C-alpha atoms as a PDB file:
ATOM      1  CA  UNK A   1       0.152  -0.042   0.175  1.00  0.00           C
ATOM      2  CA  UNK A   2       1.364   3.235  -0.710  1.00  0.00           C
ATOM      3  CA  UNK A   3       1.456   6.261   0.784  1.00  0.00           C
ATOM      4  CA  UNK A   4      -1.755   6.482   3.363  1.00  0.00           C
ATOM      5  CA  UNK A   5      -3.000   9.781   3.154  1.00  0.00           C
ATOM      6  CA  UNK A   6      -4.986  11.897   6.372  1.00  0.00           C
ATOM      7  CA  UNK A   7      -7.487  14.763   5.285  1.00  0.00           C
ATOM      8  CA  UNK A   8      -7.124  17.521   7.831  1.00  0.00           C
ATOM      9  CA  UNK A   9      -8.263  21.135   8.400  1.00  0.00           C
ATOM     10  CA  UNK A  10      -5.028  23.420   9.316  1.00  0.00           C
ATOM     11  CA  UNK A  11      -6.418  24.704  12.717  1.00  0.00           C
ATOM     12  CA  UNK A  12      -3.590  23.695  15.468  1.00  0.00           C
ATOM     13  CA  UNK A  13      -6.553  22.121  17.427  1.00  0.00           C
ATOM     14  CA  UNK A  14      -7.582  19.952  13.981  1.00  0.00           C
ATOM     15  CA  UNK A  15      -4.083  19.251  13.041  1.00  0.00           C
ATOM     16  CA  UNK A  16      -3.718  17.661  17.173  1.00  0.00           C
ATOM     17  CA  UNK A  17      -6.694  15.397  15.962  1.00  0.00           C
ATOM     18  CA  UNK A  18      -4.765  14.121  12.631  1.00  0.00           C
ATOM     19  CA  UNK A  19      -1.515  14.099  13.762  1.00  0.00           C
ATOM     20  CA  UNK A  20      -3.455  12.109  16.685  1.00  0.00           C
ATOM     21  CA  UNK A  21      -4.824   9.481  14.491  1.00  0.00           C
ATOM     22  CA  UNK A  22      -1.638   9.319  12.369  1.00  0.00           C
ATOM     23  CA  UNK A  23       0.331   8.430  15.344  1.00  0.00           C
ATOM     24  CA  UNK A  24      -1.905   5.773  16.668  1.00  0.00           C
ATOM     25  CA  UNK A  25      -2.195   4.194  13.393  1.00  0.00           C
ATOM     26  CA  UNK A  26       1.919   3.716  13.118  1.00  0.00           C
ATOM     27  CA  UNK A  27       1.962   2.377  15.897  1.00  0.00           C
ATOM     28  CA  UNK A  28      -0.546  -0.426  14.881  1.00  0.00           C
ATOM     29  CA  UNK A  29       1.196  -0.698  11.542  1.00  0.00           C
ATOM     30  CA  UNK A  30       4.810   0.852  11.750  1.00  0.00           C
ATOM     31  CA  UNK A  31       5.376  -0.794   7.664  1.00  0.00           C
ATOM     32  CA  UNK A  32       2.917   1.685   6.666  1.00  0.00           C
ATOM     33  CA  UNK A  33       3.497   5.369   6.040  1.00  0.00           C
ATOM     34  CA  UNK A  34       0.424   7.741   7.101  1.00  0.00           C
ATOM     35  CA  UNK A  35       1.036  11.492   5.476  1.00  0.00           C
ATOM     36  CA  UNK A  36      -0.703  14.331   6.631  1.00  0.00           C
ATOM     37  CA  UNK A  37      -2.751  16.424   3.848  1.00  0.00           C
ATOM     38  CA  UNK A  38      -4.359  19.618   5.273  1.00  0.00           C
ATOM     39  CA  UNK A  39      -6.824  22.544   3.994  1.00  0.00           C
ATOM     40  CA  UNK A  40      -8.929  25.060   4.922  1.00  0.00           C
ATOM     41  CA  UNK A  41     -12.837  24.706   4.706  1.00  0.00           C
ATOM     42  CA  UNK A  42     -15.427  27.464   4.302  1.00  0.00           C
ATOM     43  CA  UNK A  43     -16.163  27.524   7.987  1.00  0.00           C
ATOM     44  CA  UNK A  44     -11.724  28.249   8.511  1.00  0.00           C
ATOM     45  CA  UNK A  45     -12.247  31.216   5.581  1.00  0.00           C
ATOM     46  CA  UNK A  46     -15.156  32.927   6.585  1.00  0.00           C
ATOM     47  CA  UNK A  47     -14.668  34.534  10.681  1.00  0.00           C
ATOM     48  CA  UNK A  48     -16.611  37.309  10.475  1.00  0.00           C
ATOM     49  CA  UNK A  49     -20.163  36.272  10.606  1.00  0.00           C
ATOM     50  CA  UNK A  50     -21.541  33.739  12.683  1.00  0.00           C
ATOM     51  CA  UNK A  51     -22.135  30.309  11.846  1.00  0.00           C
ATOM     52  CA  UNK A  52     -25.794  30.104  12.419  1.00  0.00           C
ATOM     53  CA  UNK A  53     -26.074  32.933  10.066  1.00  0.00           C
ATOM     54  CA  UNK A  54     -23.872  31.157   7.596  1.00  0.00           C
ATOM     55  CA  UNK A  55     -26.430  28.502   7.413  1.00  0.00           C
ATOM     56  CA  UNK A  56     -24.661  25.769   5.875  1.00  0.00           C
ATOM     57  CA  UNK A  57     -24.263  22.341   6.714  1.00  0.00           C
ATOM     58  CA  UNK A  58     -21.087  20.674   6.258  1.00  0.00           C
ATOM     59  CA  UNK A  59     -19.098  24.419   7.014  1.00  0.00           C
ATOM     60  CA  UNK A  60     -16.034  22.141   8.221  1.00  0.00           C
ATOM     61  CA  UNK A  61     -15.956  19.231   6.397  1.00  0.00           C
ATOM     62  CA  UNK A  62     -17.211  19.833   2.976  1.00  0.00           C
ATOM     63  CA  UNK A  63     -13.770  20.068   1.428  1.00  0.00           C
ATOM     64  CA  UNK A  64     -11.989  17.224   3.050  1.00  0.00           C
ATOM     65  CA  UNK A  65     -14.950  14.945   1.834  1.00  0.00           C
ATOM     66  CA  UNK A  66     -14.706  15.831  -1.505  1.00  0.00           C
ATOM     67  CA  UNK A  67     -11.091  15.056  -1.075  1.00  0.00           C
ATOM     68  CA  UNK A  68     -12.289  11.541  -0.298  1.00  0.00           C
ATOM     69  CA  UNK A  69     -14.901  11.382  -3.532  1.00  0.00           C
ATOM     70  CA  UNK A  70     -11.672  12.039  -5.741  1.00  0.00           C
ATOM     71  CA  UNK A  71      -9.630   9.894  -4.497  1.00  0.00           C
ATOM     72  CA  UNK A  72      -7.428  12.420  -3.182  1.00  0.00           C
ATOM     73  CA  UNK A  73      -7.446  11.299   0.394  1.00  0.00           C
ATOM     74  CA  UNK A  74      -7.668   7.808   2.144  1.00  0.00           C
ATOM     75  CA  UNK A  75      -9.708   9.122   5.312  1.00  0.00           C
ATOM     76  CA  UNK A  76     -10.676  12.696   6.655  1.00  0.00           C
ATOM     77  CA  UNK A  77     -10.528  13.380  10.258  1.00  0.00           C
ATOM     78  CA  UNK A  78     -12.357  15.506  11.859  1.00  0.00           C
ATOM     79  CA  UNK A  79     -14.626  17.069  15.087  1.00  0.00           C
ATOM     80  CA  UNK A  80     -17.348  14.446  15.535  1.00  0.00           C
ATOM     81  CA  UNK A  81     -20.017  18.008  15.596  1.00  0.00           C
ATOM     82  CA  UNK A  82     -18.952  19.625  13.296  1.00  0.00           C
ATOM     83  CA  UNK A  83     -20.135  16.613  10.423  1.00  0.00           C
ATOM     84  CA  UNK A  84     -23.973  17.000   9.489  1.00  0.00           C
ATOM     85  CA  UNK A  85     -25.493  13.784  10.814  1.00  0.00           C
ATOM     86  CA  UNK A  86     -26.419  13.150   6.982  1.00  0.00           C
ATOM     87  CA  UNK A  87     -23.089  12.144   5.198  1.00  0.00           C
ATOM     88  CA  UNK A  88     -22.544  13.029   1.327  1.00  0.00           C
ATOM     89  CA  UNK A  89     -23.340   9.676  -0.480  1.00  0.00           C
ATOM     90  CA  UNK A  90     -20.844   7.421  -0.603  1.00  0.00           C
ATOM     91  CA  UNK A  91     -19.143   7.913   2.896  1.00  0.00           C
ATOM     92  CA  UNK A  92     -19.045   6.614   5.923  1.00  0.00           C
ATOM     93  CA  UNK A  93     -17.600   6.976   9.403  1.00  0.00           C
ATOM     94  CA  UNK A  94     -15.176   4.187   9.687  1.00  0.00           C
ATOM     95  CA  UNK A  95     -14.026   5.609  13.084  1.00  0.00           C
ATOM     96  CA  UNK A  96     -15.253   7.040  16.483  1.00  0.00           C
ATOM     97  CA  UNK A  97     -12.637   7.532  18.107  1.00  0.00           C
ATOM     98  CA  UNK A  98     -12.510   7.360  22.372  1.00  0.00           C
ATOM     99  CA  UNK A  99     -14.363  10.689  23.346  1.00  0.00           C
ATOM    100  CA  UNK A 100     -12.656  13.162  25.728  1.00  0.00           C
ATOM    101  CA  UNK A 101     -14.351  14.869  28.137  1.00  0.00           C
ATOM    102  CA  UNK A 102     -17.552  15.766  26.179  1.00  0.00           C
ATOM    103  CA  UNK A 103     -18.431  19.256  28.141  1.00  0.00           C
ATOM    104  CA  UNK A 104     -18.376  22.901  28.023  1.00  0.00           C
ATOM    105  CA  UNK A 105     -15.806  24.987  30.180  1.00  0.00           C
ATOM    106  CA  UNK A 106     -15.759  28.323  31.146  1.00  0.00           C
ATOM    107  CA  UNK A 107     -12.325  30.810  30.539  1.00  0.00           C
ATOM    108  CA  UNK A 108     -12.958  33.746  33.107  1.00  0.00           C
ATOM    109  CA  UNK A 109     -10.944  36.877  32.910  1.00  0.00           C
ATOM    110  CA  UNK A 110     -11.042  37.170  37.164  1.00  0.00           C
ATOM    111  CA  UNK A 111     -11.495  33.573  38.036  1.00  0.00           C
ATOM    112  CA  UNK A 112     -15.136  33.931  38.700  1.00  0.00           C
ATOM    113  CA  UNK A 113     -17.451  31.242  37.907  1.00  0.00           C
ATOM    114  CA  UNK A 114     -20.724  31.794  35.823  1.00  0.00           C
ATOM    115  CA  UNK A 115     -22.776  32.105  38.681  1.00  0.00           C
ATOM    116  CA  UNK A 116     -20.783  34.677  40.530  1.00  0.00           C
ATOM    117  CA  UNK A 117     -20.616  36.844  37.728  1.00  0.00           C
ATOM    118  CA  UNK A 118     -21.461  40.656  37.689  1.00  0.00           C
ATOM    119  CA  UNK A 119     -25.165  41.728  36.542  1.00  0.00           C
ATOM    120  CA  UNK A 120     -24.737  42.017  32.666  1.00  0.00           C
ATOM    121  CA  UNK A 121     -21.297  40.039  32.256  1.00  0.00           C
ATOM    122  CA  UNK A 122     -20.652  39.860  28.917  1.00  0.00           C
ATOM    123  CA  UNK A 123     -19.554  36.093  27.751  1.00  0.00           C
ATOM    124  CA  UNK A 124     -18.255  35.091  24.090  1.00  0.00           C
ATOM    125  CA  UNK A 125     -19.531  32.526  22.449  1.00  0.00           C
ATOM    126  CA  UNK A 126     -21.348  32.279  18.509  1.00  0.00           C
ATOM    127  CA  UNK A 127     -22.837  29.079  19.473  1.00  0.00           C
ATOM    128  CA  UNK A 128     -27.112  29.239  19.845  1.00  0.00           C
ATOM    129  CA  UNK A 129     -26.877  26.652  21.953  1.00  0.00           C
ATOM    130  CA  UNK A 130     -24.679  27.944  24.225  1.00  0.00           C
ATOM    131  CA  UNK A 131     -26.278  31.369  24.342  1.00  0.00           C
ATOM    132  CA  UNK A 132     -29.817  30.019  24.649  1.00  0.00           C
ATOM    133  CA  UNK A 133     -28.409  27.549  27.620  1.00  0.00           C
ATOM    134  CA  UNK A 134     -26.638  30.250  29.651  1.00  0.00           C
ATOM    135  CA  UNK A 135     -30.208  33.211  29.050  1.00  0.00           C
ATOM    136  CA  UNK A 136     -32.067  30.398  30.254  1.00  0.00           C
ATOM    137  CA  UNK A 137     -30.036  29.797  33.532  1.00  0.00           C
ATOM    138  CA  UNK A 138     -28.649  33.595  33.697  1.00  0.00           C
ATOM    139  CA  UNK A 139     -30.826  36.134  31.971  1.00  0.00           C
ATOM    140  CA  UNK A 140     -28.972  38.848  32.687  1.00  0.00           C
ATOM    141  CA  UNK A 141     -26.261  38.349  31.061  1.00  0.00           C
ATOM    142  CA  UNK A 142     -24.898  39.909  27.428  1.00  0.00           C
ATOM    143  CA  UNK A 143     -23.096  37.871  24.905  1.00  0.00           C
ATOM    144  CA  UNK A 144     -20.468  38.901  22.158  1.00  0.00           C
ATOM    145  CA  UNK A 145     -19.974  36.187  19.151  1.00  0.00           C
ATOM    146  CA  UNK A 146     -16.811  35.145  19.014  1.00  0.00           C
ATOM    147  CA  UNK A 147     -15.207  32.967  15.566  1.00  0.00           C
ATOM    148  CA  UNK A 148     -11.832  32.077  15.113  1.00  0.00           C
ATOM    149  CA  UNK A 149      -9.345  29.280  16.628  1.00  0.00           C
ATOM    150  CA  UNK A 150      -9.090  28.405  20.188  1.00  0.00           C
ATOM    151  CA  UNK A 151      -5.944  30.365  20.163  1.00  0.00           C
ATOM    152  CA  UNK A 152      -7.316  33.512  18.255  1.00  0.00           C
ATOM    153  CA  UNK A 153     -10.834  33.015  21.037  1.00  0.00           C
ATOM    154  CA  UNK A 154      -8.365  33.270  23.547  1.00  0.00           C
ATOM    155  CA  UNK A 155      -6.721  36.702  22.192  1.00  0.00           C
ATOM    156  CA  UNK A 156      -9.647  38.434  21.941  1.00  0.00           C
ATOM    157  CA  UNK A 157     -10.627  37.724  26.116  1.00  0.00           C
ATOM    158  CA  UNK A 158      -7.598  39.246  26.772  1.00  0.00           C
ATOM    159  CA  UNK A 159      -8.369  42.158  24.327  1.00  0.00           C
ATOM    160  CA  UNK A 160     -11.930  43.104  25.035  1.00  0.00           C
ATOM    161  CA  UNK A 161     -14.078  43.574  28.125  1.00  0.00           C
ATOM    162  CA  UNK A 162     -15.547  40.317  28.101  1.00  0.00           C
ATOM    163  CA  UNK A 163     -16.191  38.247  31.585  1.00  0.00           C
ATOM    164  CA  UNK A 164     -15.124  35.060  29.659  1.00  0.00           C
ATOM    165  CA  UNK A 165     -15.479  32.428  27.047  1.00  0.00           C
ATOM    166  CA  UNK A 166     -17.022  29.350  26.408  1.00  0.00           C
ATOM    167  CA  UNK A 167     -15.399  26.607  24.380  1.00  0.00           C
ATOM    168  CA  UNK A 168     -15.270  22.523  24.217  1.00  0.00           C
ATOM    169  CA  UNK A 169     -13.727  21.141  27.414  1.00  0.00           C
ATOM    170  CA  UNK A 170     -12.025  18.723  24.909  1.00  0.00           C
ATOM    171  CA  UNK A 171      -9.935  21.794  22.692  1.00  0.00           C
ATOM    172  CA  UNK A 172      -8.851  22.869  25.672  1.00  0.00           C
ATOM    173  CA  UNK A 173      -7.476  20.068  27.121  1.00  0.00           C
ATOM    174  CA  UNK A 174      -5.999  19.002  23.535  1.00  0.00           C
ATOM    175  CA  UNK A 175      -4.084  21.802  23.336  1.00  0.00           C
ATOM    176  CA  UNK A 176      -2.669  21.492  26.937  1.00  0.00           C
ATOM    177  CA  UNK A 177      -4.568  24.419  28.650  1.00  0.00           C
ATOM    178  CA  UNK A 178      -6.036  22.941  31.466  1.00  0.00           C
ATOM    179  CA  UNK A 179      -4.236  25.307  33.762  1.00  0.00           C
ATOM    180  CA  UNK A 180      -6.558  27.955  31.785  1.00  0.00           C
ATOM    181  CA  UNK A 181     -10.217  26.441  33.001  1.00  0.00           C
ATOM    182  CA  UNK A 182     -12.105  28.205  35.596  1.00  0.00           C
ATOM    183  CA  UNK A 183     -15.036  26.064  35.687  1.00  0.00           C
ATOM    184  CA  UNK A 184     -16.285  22.478  34.164  1.00  0.00           C
ATOM    185  CA  UNK A 185     -20.527  23.537  32.972  1.00  0.00           C
ATOM    186  CA  UNK A 186     -22.759  20.977  34.698  1.00  0.00           C
ATOM    187  CA  UNK A 187     -24.943  19.034  32.706  1.00  0.00           C
ATOM    188  CA  UNK A 188     -27.762  20.984  34.763  1.00  0.00           C
ATOM    189  CA  UNK A 189     -26.545  24.418  32.956  1.00  0.00           C
ATOM    190  CA  UNK A 190     -24.933  23.516  29.741  1.00  0.00           C
ATOM    191  CA  UNK A 191     -25.713  20.240  27.607  1.00  0.00           C
ATOM    192  CA  UNK A 192     -23.151  19.655  25.101  1.00  0.00           C
ATOM    193  CA  UNK A 193     -23.916  19.424  21.358  1.00  0.00           C
ATOM    194  CA  UNK A 194     -24.294  16.359  19.480  1.00  0.00           C
ATOM    195  CA  UNK A 195     -20.885  14.459  19.455  1.00  0.00           C
ATOM    196  CA  UNK A 196     -18.976  16.756  21.195  1.00  0.00           C
ATOM    197  CA  UNK A 197     -15.480  15.451  22.337  1.00  0.00           C
ATOM    198  CA  UNK A 198     -15.030  12.630  19.641  1.00  0.00           C
ATOM    199  CA  UNK A 199     -12.947  12.481  17.008  1.00  0.00           C
ATOM    200  CA  UNK A 200     -14.162  10.831  13.635  1.00  0.00           C
ATOM    201  CA  UNK A 201     -12.533   9.370  11.079  1.00  0.00           C
ATOM    202  CA  UNK A 202     -14.526   9.441   7.601  1.00  0.00           C
ATOM    203  CA  UNK A 203     -13.754   7.068   4.294  1.00  0.00           C
ATOM    204  CA  UNK A 204     -15.537   6.183   1.314  1.00  0.00           C
ATOM    205  CA  UNK A 205     -17.305   3.249   1.783  1.00  0.00           C
ATOM    206  CA  UNK A 206     -15.682   1.548  -1.089  1.00  0.00           C
ATOM    207  CA  UNK A 207     -12.340   1.598   0.820  1.00  0.00           C
ATOM    208  CA  UNK A 208     -12.477  -1.325   3.416  1.00  0.00           C
ATOM    209  CA  UNK A 209      -9.000  -1.891   3.348  1.00  0.00           C
ATOM    210  CA  UNK A 210      -8.676   1.850   4.773  1.00  0.00           C
ATOM    211  CA  UNK A 211     -11.656   0.546   6.904  1.00  0.00           C
ATOM    212  CA  UNK A 212      -9.918  -2.744   8.092  1.00  0.00           C
ATOM    213  CA  UNK A 213      -6.868  -0.224   9.048  1.00  0.00           C
ATOM    214  CA  UNK A 214      -9.162   1.803  11.257  1.00  0.00           C
ATOM    215  CA  UNK A 215     -11.752  -0.519  12.604  1.00  0.00           C
ATOM    216  CA  UNK A 216      -8.365  -0.638  15.239  1.00  0.00           C
ATOM    217  CA  UNK A 217      -9.374   2.809  16.453  1.00  0.00           C
ATOM    218  CA  UNK A 218     -12.754   2.494  17.125  1.00  0.00           C
ATOM    219  CA  UNK A 219     -14.271   2.667  20.669  1.00  0.00           C
ATOM    220  CA  UNK A 220     -17.731   0.854  21.129  1.00  0.00           C
ATOM    221  CA  UNK A 221     -18.824   2.869  23.635  1.00  0.00           C
ATOM    222  CA  UNK A 222     -18.195   6.317  21.991  1.00  0.00           C
ATOM    223  CA  UNK A 223     -19.680   4.813  19.061  1.00  0.00           C
ATOM    224  CA  UNK A 224     -22.699   4.004  20.688  1.00  0.00           C
ATOM    225  CA  UNK A 225     -23.411   7.328  22.109  1.00  0.00           C
ATOM    226  CA  UNK A 226     -22.467   9.422  19.664  1.00  0.00           C
ATOM    227  CA  UNK A 227     -24.388   7.374  17.168  1.00  0.00           C
ATOM    228  CA  UNK A 228     -27.542   7.809  19.749  1.00  0.00           C
ATOM    229  CA  UNK A 229     -26.810  11.819  19.881  1.00  0.00           C
ATOM    230  CA  UNK A 230     -27.092  11.918  16.603  1.00  0.00           C
ATOM    231  CA  UNK A 231     -29.642   9.881  15.628  1.00  0.00           C
ATOM    232  CA  UNK A 232     -32.036  12.349  17.715  1.00  0.00           C
ATOM    233  CA  UNK A 233     -29.912  15.639  15.878  1.00  0.00           C
ATOM    234  CA  UNK A 234     -31.478  13.686  12.728  1.00  0.00           C
ATOM    235  CA  UNK A 235     -34.712  13.207  13.948  1.00  0.00           C
ATOM    236  CA  UNK A 236     -35.132  16.507  14.788  1.00  0.00           C
ATOM    237  CA  UNK A 237     -33.429  17.382  11.687  1.00  0.00           C
ATOM    238  CA  UNK A 238     -31.009  20.429  13.444  1.00  0.00           C
ATOM    239  CA  UNK A 239     -28.427  21.148  11.918  1.00  0.00           C
ATOM    240  CA  UNK A 240     -24.787  22.508  13.935  1.00  0.00           C
ATOM    241  CA  UNK A 241     -26.262  25.826  14.426  1.00  0.00           C
ATOM    242  CA  UNK A 242     -29.410  25.446  16.391  1.00  0.00           C
ATOM    243  CA  UNK A 243     -30.041  25.348  20.258  1.00  0.00           C
ATOM    244  CA  UNK A 244     -29.720  21.241  20.594  1.00  0.00           C
ATOM    245  CA  UNK A 245     -27.801  19.583  23.021  1.00  0.00           C
ATOM    246  CA  UNK A 246     -27.478  16.005  23.768  1.00  0.00           C
ATOM    247  CA  UNK A 247     -24.847  13.923  25.723  1.00  0.00           C
ATOM    248  CA  UNK A 248     -25.175   9.661  26.116  1.00  0.00           C
ATOM    249  CA  UNK A 249     -23.486   7.557  28.228  1.00  0.00           C
ATOM    250  CA  UNK A 250     -23.532   3.715  28.197  1.00  0.00           C
ATOM    251  CA  UNK A 251     -23.964   2.668  31.614  1.00  0.00           C
ATOM    252  CA  UNK A 252     -24.017  -1.162  32.755  1.00  0.00           C
ATOM    253  CA  UNK A 253     -24.319  -2.075  28.912  1.00  0.00           C
ATOM    254  CA  UNK A 254     -27.219   0.514  28.727  1.00  0.00           C
ATOM    255  CA  UNK A 255     -27.061   4.145  26.142  1.00  0.00           C
ATOM    256  CA  UNK A 256     -28.148   6.703  28.253  1.00  0.00           C
ATOM    257  CA  UNK A 257     -29.293  10.095  26.433  1.00  0.00           C
ATOM    258  CA  UNK A 258     -30.334  12.819  27.682  1.00  0.00           C
ATOM    259  CA  UNK A 259     -31.494  15.440  25.270  1.00  0.00           C
ATOM    260  CA  UNK A 260     -32.180  19.356  25.195  1.00  0.00           C
ATOM    261  CA  UNK A 261     -34.104  22.096  22.668  1.00  0.00           C
ATOM    262  CA  UNK A 262     -34.344  25.723  23.951  1.00  0.00           C
ATOM    263  CA  UNK A 263     -35.733  28.504  22.051  1.00  0.00           C
ATOM    264  CA  UNK A 264     -33.125  31.485  21.306  1.00  0.00           C
ATOM    265  CA  UNK A 265     -33.991  33.868  24.487  1.00  0.00           C
ATOM    266  CA  UNK A 266     -33.784  30.972  27.100  1.00  0.00           C
ATOM    267  CA  UNK A 267     -37.332  31.206  27.868  1.00  0.00           C
ATOM    268  CA  UNK A 268     -38.288  27.994  26.895  1.00  0.00           C
ATOM    269  CA  UNK A 269     -35.778  24.936  27.701  1.00  0.00           C
ATOM    270  CA  UNK A 270     -37.166  21.592  27.553  1.00  0.00           C
ATOM    271  CA  UNK A 271     -34.900  18.463  28.688  1.00  0.00           C
ATOM    272  CA  UNK A 272     -36.078  14.733  28.104  1.00  0.00           C
ATOM    273  CA  UNK A 273     -34.346  11.420  28.792  1.00  0.00           C
ATOM    274  CA  UNK A 274     -33.968   7.701  27.090  1.00  0.00           C
ATOM    275  CA  UNK A 275     -31.865   4.606  27.858  1.00  0.00           C
ATOM    276  CA  UNK A 276     -31.564   1.508  25.386  1.00  0.00           C
ATOM    277  CA  UNK A 277     -28.935  -0.590  23.767  1.00  0.00           C
ATOM    278  CA  UNK A 278     -29.857   0.179  20.044  1.00  0.00           C
ATOM    279  CA  UNK A 279     -28.513   3.785  19.652  1.00  0.00           C
ATOM    280  CA  UNK A 280     -31.258   4.968  17.157  1.00  0.00           C
ATOM    281  CA  UNK A 281     -33.758   4.212  18.813  1.00  0.00           C
ATOM    282  CA  UNK A 282     -32.290   5.571  22.477  1.00  0.00           C
ATOM    283  CA  UNK A 283     -31.628   8.801  19.518  1.00  0.00           C
ATOM    284  CA  UNK A 284     -35.402   8.546  18.002  1.00  0.00           C
ATOM    285  CA  UNK A 285     -36.809   8.390  21.481  1.00  0.00           C
ATOM    286  CA  UNK A 286     -35.864  11.394  23.332  1.00  0.00           C
ATOM    287  CA  UNK A 287     -36.332  13.488  20.246  1.00  0.00           C
ATOM    288  CA  UNK A 288     -40.060  12.075  19.976  1.00  0.00           C
ATOM    289  CA  UNK A 289     -40.131  13.191  24.004  1.00  0.00           C
ATOM    290  CA  UNK A 290     -38.897  16.157  23.193  1.00  0.00           C
ATOM    291  CA  UNK A 291     -41.247  16.661  19.895  1.00  0.00           C
ATOM    292  CA  UNK A 292     -44.401  15.912  22.484  1.00  0.00           C
ATOM    293  CA  UNK A 293     -42.735  18.385  25.034  1.00  0.00           C
ATOM    294  CA  UNK A 294     -42.709  21.511  21.822  1.00  0.00           C
ATOM    295  CA  UNK A 295     -39.410  21.390  20.453  1.00  0.00           C
ATOM    296  CA  UNK A 296     -40.925  21.519  16.904  1.00  0.00           C
ATOM    297  CA  UNK A 297     -42.538  24.737  17.721  1.00  0.00           C
ATOM    298  CA  UNK A 298     -39.608  25.869  19.039  1.00  0.00           C
ATOM    299  CA  UNK A 299     -37.223  25.157  16.417  1.00  0.00           C
ATOM    300  CA  UNK A 300     -39.536  26.267  13.569  1.00  0.00           C
ATOM    301  CA  UNK A 301     -38.707  30.041  15.276  1.00  0.00           C
ATOM    302  CA  UNK A 302     -35.850  29.572  14.200  1.00  0.00           C
ATOM    303  CA  UNK A 303     -35.661  28.285  11.288  1.00  0.00           C
END
């Protein structure tokens, strides 16, 4: 087998993730050569508009997926939370790597937790999911849109009047920034994005040779949990930029899934939970419970 080409975005975090996959595969298959191919996606290029306003699915994946379909790449490494629930025809997720901490974290300028911030404090985030849940918890808080890679967001915090920023714990930990974390946000305040903390490796479905290599990287408990989350998202027809949260975990052989839908202003927030052994069934069950509680009308207002 010739050089095996691993596609990735070129941000520091994306490169870290791809290099991690590369190192794991090199340890497993030292006789093979794995090379990284980096590229910019549409989401990397448009930095002056909130993601929710761009409204394009696959903002951080499309160029990599085109590389797979054109046989310019053998595999593509993604943050699973960036991947639409419906993949382009002919592509599959071949490996769900073991999940890092799935929750969100608060990085505070002055070391204050979310609970202790003064009234009217400004939080940096462009995520509708994060804003809506925080507005529900603290209606007095203000928000500033924040785009760019993690280094850019950290720099903007230092240069602005923001009280703090919210980031995915997984990315912060992967860059070695644990000491910057003020607070891991508990689930009752902030439910994670679908797939958050998981690295996914996408391939052409015809490439059984690559699928065989990746099978040893797949982490079954992670796969079961995130497949349930993605089933919930698909049932609700939610893209990456809607206020939907979900977190699954495998407990004693059962998938336990919690889901959340919120209005943009945070005034309406509904939650549901279910458990079972089949990811799609569990995801659909939580989605249906959310629909029964009014999710459809909440999401219709946003779309």
